[in-house]
Amino acid sequence: MYIYNKIIQNMLNHSVSTPKPAMALKSRPLLFILLLVVIFSFSDNGMKAQNWVQLREKMVNEQLRGRDISSSNVLNAMREVPRHHFVPIEYQKFAYDDRPLPIGFEQTISQPYMVAFMTEQIEPKPGMKVLEIGTGSGYQAAVLAHLGCEVYTIELLPELAERADKLLKQLKYQPVNIKAGNGYDGWPEAAPFDAIIVTAAPEKMPPVLVEQLKDGGTMVIPVGPVNNLQYLKIAKKRDGKVTTDTLMPVRFVPMIDRDVQPN
């Protein structure tokens, strides 16, 4: 409000001090128009920022809490992390709708509910070391970092890895370690992991990822063939043994093995 008053005062002073009444009459409409442009510019930016907050709150209340996401920490992370920064500008108005959105390179950002659901399954706690396969936009990594996890994330496409790394640093979501590589290899140098989240679907659960899961750890992963029904599964390693349960039917982009040549 102070800056508006200052602008108004300067314009009025200018119009009053002009020595030619005819010119003053002609200039005042122009000054008034300029004043309106400045005011609406400032108010529009403030309104947009406020709208994002309201849309996130609505997303949490209607899409997440209303569908049995109950972890207060996960709900708070979803409320705070600005999903609209992780989608292309032409899709930002849909950022808080409950649907996946394209992010380029034939990849998508998962719907908010799926991100919250998969995150809740690993029961995240500060200091947990979490491996993510399929960085994509970087949104899932941001949610995990907000929860205090030490995040390692692998993206097959170097362009997406670079873009996500830049954005996460810009938004100050750390510690997040990103590398471009083959998700089927995991990250052996950083293993074992307390939890693993896979955001692309292999046809079978990769044994290497199971090996890199710490005893007592949890992995959430969609499994199934391309263009067919897939299932989200949860695998838990206890005393060296792995038990697997099916959570729900899903549809994810395929997990590509860079070392396997297509037929």
Protein backbone atom coordinates (compact mmCIF):
# COMPACT_ATOMS: atom_id res chain seq x y z
CA MET A 1 0.00 0.00 0.00
CA TYR A 2 2.89 2.36 0.74
CA ILE A 3 4.26 1.96 -2.77
CA TYR A 4 0.82 2.65 -4.26
CA ASN A 5 0.53 5.88 -2.23
CA LYS A 6 3.99 6.95 -3.32
CA ILE A 7 3.17 6.37 -6.98
CA ILE A 8 -0.13 8.24 -6.69
CA GLN A 9 1.50 11.20 -4.93
CA ASN A 10 4.24 11.46 -7.55
CA MET A 11 1.70 11.41 -10.36
CA LEU A 12 -0.50 14.04 -8.72
CA ASN A 13 2.48 16.28 -8.05
CA HIS A 14 3.52 15.97 -11.67
CA SER A 15 0.05 16.80 -12.98
CA VAL A 16 -0.40 19.76 -10.61
CA SER A 17 2.97 21.33 -11.41
CA THR A 18 2.50 21.34 -15.17
CA PRO A 19 2.23 24.98 -16.35
CA LYS A 20 -0.14 24.41 -19.30
CA PRO A 21 -3.76 23.54 -18.35
CA ALA A 22 -4.54 22.09 -21.77
CA MET A 23 -1.58 19.73 -21.61
CA ALA A 24 -2.45 18.81 -18.04
CA LEU A 25 -5.95 17.80 -19.09
CA LYS A 26 -4.55 15.66 -21.88
CA SER A 27 -1.91 14.04 -19.68
CA ARG A 28 -4.14 13.17 -16.73
CA PRO A 29 -6.02 10.32 -18.48
CA LEU A 30 -2.69 8.83 -19.52
CA LEU A 31 -1.35 9.11 -15.98
CA PHE A 32 -4.52 7.50 -14.65
CA ILE A 33 -4.18 4.59 -17.06
CA LEU A 34 -0.53 4.10 -16.10
CA LEU A 35 -1.53 4.18 -12.45
CA LEU A 36 -4.13 1.45 -13.00
CA VAL A 37 -1.60 -0.71 -14.86
CA VAL A 38 0.90 -0.44 -12.00
CA ILE A 39 -1.71 -1.19 -9.33
CA PHE A 40 -3.17 -4.18 -11.16
CA SER A 41 0.31 -5.48 -11.85
CA PHE A 42 1.20 -5.49 -8.16
CA SER A 43 -2.17 -6.82 -7.02
CA ASP A 44 -2.17 -9.58 -9.69
CA ASN A 45 1.20 -10.89 -8.52
CA GLY A 46 0.07 -10.92 -4.92
CA MET A 47 -3.22 -12.59 -5.84
CA LYS A 48 -1.42 -15.30 -7.81
CA ALA A 49 0.84 -16.11 -4.86
CA GLN A 50 -2.19 -16.24 -2.59
CA ASN A 51 -4.05 -18.44 -5.07
CA TRP A 52 -1.26 -21.05 -5.11
CA VAL A 53 -1.46 -21.32 -1.31
CA GLN A 54 -5.24 -21.69 -1.43
CA LEU A 55 -5.05 -24.28 -4.21
CA ARG A 56 -2.53 -26.36 -2.24
CA GLU A 57 -4.75 -26.20 0.83
CA LYS A 58 -7.73 -27.31 -1.25
CA MET A 59 -5.65 -30.12 -2.76
CA VAL A 60 -4.67 -31.39 0.68
CA ASN A 61 -8.20 -31.23 2.08
CA GLU A 62 -10.09 -32.66 -0.88
CA GLN A 63 -7.66 -34.95 -2.70
CA LEU A 64 -5.44 -36.24 0.10
CA ARG A 65 -7.10 -36.04 3.49
CA GLY A 66 -10.39 -36.93 1.84
CA ARG A 67 -8.80 -40.11 0.46
CA ASP A 68 -7.22 -41.43 3.66
CA ILE A 69 -3.79 -39.80 3.55
CA SER A 70 -3.43 -39.39 7.30
CA SER A 71 0.24 -38.64 8.04
CA SER A 72 0.40 -35.05 9.28
CA ASN A 73 4.01 -34.78 8.10
CA VAL A 74 3.17 -35.92 4.59
CA LEU A 75 0.11 -33.66 4.43
CA ASN A 76 2.20 -30.70 5.55
CA ALA A 77 4.88 -31.43 2.95
CA MET A 78 2.24 -31.57 0.21
CA ARG A 79 0.80 -28.33 1.53
CA GLU A 80 4.18 -26.57 1.43
CA VAL A 81 5.97 -27.84 -1.69
CA PRO A 82 4.98 -25.66 -4.70
CA ARG A 83 4.01 -28.22 -7.35
CA HIS A 84 3.35 -25.49 -9.92
CA HIS A 85 7.10 -24.82 -10.14
CA PHE A 86 7.64 -28.41 -11.28
CA VAL A 87 5.34 -28.34 -14.32
CA PRO A 88 5.71 -26.44 -17.62
CA ILE A 89 4.20 -22.96 -17.50
CA GLU A 90 1.40 -23.88 -19.90
CA TYR A 91 0.19 -26.51 -17.39
CA GLN A 92 0.63 -24.50 -14.19
CA LYS A 93 -3.07 -23.73 -13.91
CA PHE A 94 -3.64 -27.50 -13.58
CA ALA A 95 -0.79 -28.03 -11.09
CA TYR A 96 -3.07 -28.79 -8.13
CA ASP A 97 -5.59 -30.89 -10.01
CA ASP A 98 -5.48 -34.58 -9.12
CA ARG A 99 -3.95 -35.80 -12.35
CA PRO A 100 -0.55 -36.45 -13.90
CA LEU A 101 0.80 -33.77 -16.22
CA PRO A 102 3.33 -33.88 -19.07
CA ILE A 103 6.78 -32.48 -18.32
CA GLY A 104 8.39 -33.09 -21.71
CA PHE A 105 10.41 -35.96 -23.20
CA GLU A 106 7.29 -38.18 -23.04
CA GLN A 107 7.45 -38.14 -19.24
CA THR A 108 4.91 -37.04 -16.64
CA ILE A 109 4.69 -35.73 -13.10
CA SER A 110 2.55 -38.07 -10.99
CA GLN A 111 -0.79 -36.91 -9.63
CA PRO A 112 -0.56 -35.38 -6.12
CA TYR A 113 -2.47 -38.24 -4.50
CA MET A 114 -0.04 -40.83 -5.85
CA VAL A 115 2.98 -38.84 -4.63
CA ALA A 116 1.44 -38.52 -1.17
CA PHE A 117 0.35 -42.17 -1.06
CA MET A 118 3.76 -43.56 -2.07
CA THR A 119 5.52 -41.20 0.33
CA GLU A 120 3.28 -42.24 3.22
CA GLN A 121 4.00 -45.93 2.58
CA ILE A 122 7.71 -45.55 3.40
CA GLU A 123 6.90 -43.76 6.70
CA PRO A 124 9.49 -41.00 6.12
CA LYS A 125 11.49 -39.62 9.01
CA PRO A 126 14.24 -36.98 9.17
CA GLY A 127 17.62 -38.48 8.37
CA MET A 128 16.26 -41.44 6.39
CA LYS A 129 18.31 -42.27 3.31
CA VAL A 130 15.88 -42.63 0.41
CA LEU A 131 16.58 -43.68 -3.17
CA GLU A 132 14.22 -42.48 -5.88
CA ILE A 133 14.24 -44.07 -9.32
CA GLY A 134 12.90 -41.64 -11.92
CA THR A 135 13.62 -38.05 -10.89
CA GLY A 136 11.37 -36.60 -13.58
CA SER A 137 10.37 -33.08 -12.60
CA GLY A 138 12.01 -33.33 -9.16
CA TYR A 139 8.70 -32.94 -7.29
CA GLN A 140 8.85 -36.26 -5.43
CA ALA A 141 12.44 -35.51 -4.42
CA ALA A 142 11.35 -32.09 -3.13
CA VAL A 143 8.62 -33.66 -0.99
CA LEU A 144 11.11 -36.14 0.49
CA ALA A 145 13.68 -33.40 1.13
CA HIS A 146 11.02 -31.26 2.82
CA LEU A 147 10.41 -34.21 5.16
CA GLY A 148 14.09 -34.20 6.13
CA CYS A 149 15.16 -37.25 4.13
CA GLU A 150 18.59 -37.59 2.56
CA VAL A 151 17.58 -38.08 -1.05
CA TYR A 152 19.41 -39.90 -3.84
CA THR A 153 17.57 -39.76 -7.15
CA ILE A 154 18.39 -41.22 -10.57
CA GLU A 155 17.02 -40.00 -13.89
CA LEU A 156 17.60 -41.81 -17.18
CA LEU A 157 17.31 -38.62 -19.26
CA PRO A 158 20.21 -36.18 -18.70
CA GLU A 159 18.06 -33.20 -19.74
CA LEU A 160 15.49 -33.91 -17.02
CA ALA A 161 18.19 -34.63 -14.43
CA GLU A 162 19.89 -31.30 -15.14
CA ARG A 163 16.63 -29.37 -15.09
CA ALA A 164 15.48 -30.96 -11.82
CA ASP A 165 18.86 -30.40 -10.18
CA LYS A 166 18.80 -26.71 -11.09
CA LEU A 167 15.23 -26.25 -9.86
CA LEU A 168 15.75 -28.09 -6.56
CA LYS A 169 18.81 -25.96 -5.80
CA GLN A 170 16.94 -22.81 -6.76
CA LEU A 171 14.09 -23.73 -4.40
CA LYS A 172 16.64 -24.77 -1.74
CA TYR A 173 15.51 -28.39 -1.36
CA GLN A 174 18.57 -30.12 0.03
CA PRO A 175 20.18 -32.54 0.53
CA VAL A 176 19.19 -34.01 -2.85
CA ASN A 177 21.78 -35.94 -4.82
CA ILE A 178 20.89 -36.31 -8.51
CA LYS A 179 22.59 -38.23 -11.25
CA ALA A 180 21.71 -39.24 -14.79
CA GLY A 181 21.93 -42.99 -15.08
CA ASN A 182 20.26 -46.37 -15.37
CA GLY A 183 17.70 -46.88 -12.62
CA TYR A 184 18.11 -50.66 -12.88
CA ASP A 185 21.62 -50.24 -11.47
CA GLY A 186 20.48 -48.35 -8.41
CA TRP A 187 23.12 -46.32 -6.57
CA PRO A 188 25.53 -48.90 -5.11
CA GLU A 189 27.98 -46.29 -3.79
CA ALA A 190 25.29 -44.87 -1.50
CA ALA A 191 23.54 -48.14 -0.59
CA PRO A 192 21.96 -49.48 1.53
CA PHE A 193 18.83 -47.33 1.67
CA ASP A 194 16.16 -47.06 4.33
CA ALA A 195 13.56 -46.76 1.58
CA ILE A 196 13.26 -46.82 -2.20
CA ILE A 197 10.54 -45.13 -4.25
CA VAL A 198 10.28 -46.06 -7.93
CA THR A 199 8.27 -43.70 -10.13
CA ALA A 200 8.38 -45.70 -13.38
CA ALA A 201 7.16 -49.24 -13.96
CA PRO A 202 9.47 -52.18 -14.70
CA GLU A 203 7.86 -55.43 -15.80
CA LYS A 204 9.42 -57.18 -12.80
CA MET A 205 10.89 -55.93 -9.55
CA PRO A 206 14.63 -55.34 -10.19
CA PRO A 207 16.73 -57.64 -7.93
CA VAL A 208 19.50 -55.02 -7.68
CA LEU A 209 17.13 -52.57 -6.02
CA VAL A 210 16.01 -55.22 -3.54
CA GLU A 211 19.67 -55.88 -2.72
CA GLN A 212 20.27 -52.16 -2.09
CA LEU A 213 17.39 -51.99 0.39
CA LYS A 214 18.54 -51.95 4.00
CA ASP A 215 17.29 -54.70 6.29
CA GLY A 216 14.16 -53.24 7.81
CA GLY A 217 13.66 -51.06 4.74
CA THR A 218 10.67 -50.53 2.46
CA MET A 219 10.35 -50.17 -1.31
CA VAL A 220 7.28 -48.87 -3.15
CA ILE A 221 7.23 -49.70 -6.86
CA PRO A 222 4.75 -49.99 -9.75
CA VAL A 223 5.18 -53.26 -11.62
CA GLY A 224 3.69 -54.41 -14.91
CA PRO A 225 4.00 -54.40 -18.69
CA VAL A 226 3.86 -51.29 -20.85
CA ASN A 227 0.34 -50.31 -22.01
CA ASN A 228 -1.23 -52.87 -19.73
CA LEU A 229 -2.49 -53.12 -16.17
CA GLN A 230 0.20 -52.39 -13.59
CA TYR A 231 0.11 -52.78 -9.83
CA LEU A 232 1.67 -50.66 -7.13
CA LYS A 233 3.52 -52.99 -4.78
CA ILE A 234 5.21 -52.57 -1.43
CA ALA A 235 8.23 -54.72 -0.57
CA LYS A 236 9.61 -54.97 2.95
CA LYS A 237 12.93 -56.54 3.87
CA ARG A 238 13.01 -58.13 7.31
CA ASP A 239 15.82 -60.41 8.53
CA GLY A 240 17.07 -60.79 4.98
CA LYS A 241 13.70 -61.90 3.65
CA VAL A 242 11.47 -59.84 1.36
CA THR A 243 7.69 -59.84 1.56
CA THR A 244 5.59 -58.18 -1.11
CA ASP A 245 2.01 -56.91 -1.04
CA THR A 246 -0.11 -55.36 -3.78
CA LEU A 247 -1.56 -51.94 -2.97
CA MET A 248 -3.59 -50.85 -6.00
CA PRO A 249 -3.80 -50.89 -9.81
CA VAL A 250 -1.90 -47.99 -11.39
CA ARG A 251 -0.59 -46.63 -14.69
CA PHE A 252 3.00 -45.35 -14.85
CA VAL A 253 5.44 -44.60 -17.64
CA PRO A 254 7.71 -47.60 -18.32
CA MET A 255 11.04 -47.96 -16.55
CA ILE A 256 13.63 -48.16 -19.32
CA ASP A 257 16.75 -50.29 -18.98
CA ARG A 258 19.45 -48.36 -20.82
CA ASP A 259 21.63 -51.47 -21.08
CA VAL A 260 18.97 -53.52 -22.90
CA GLN A 261 18.57 -52.87 -26.61
CA PRO A 262 14.95 -52.82 -27.86
CA ASN A 263 13.90 -55.56 -30.26
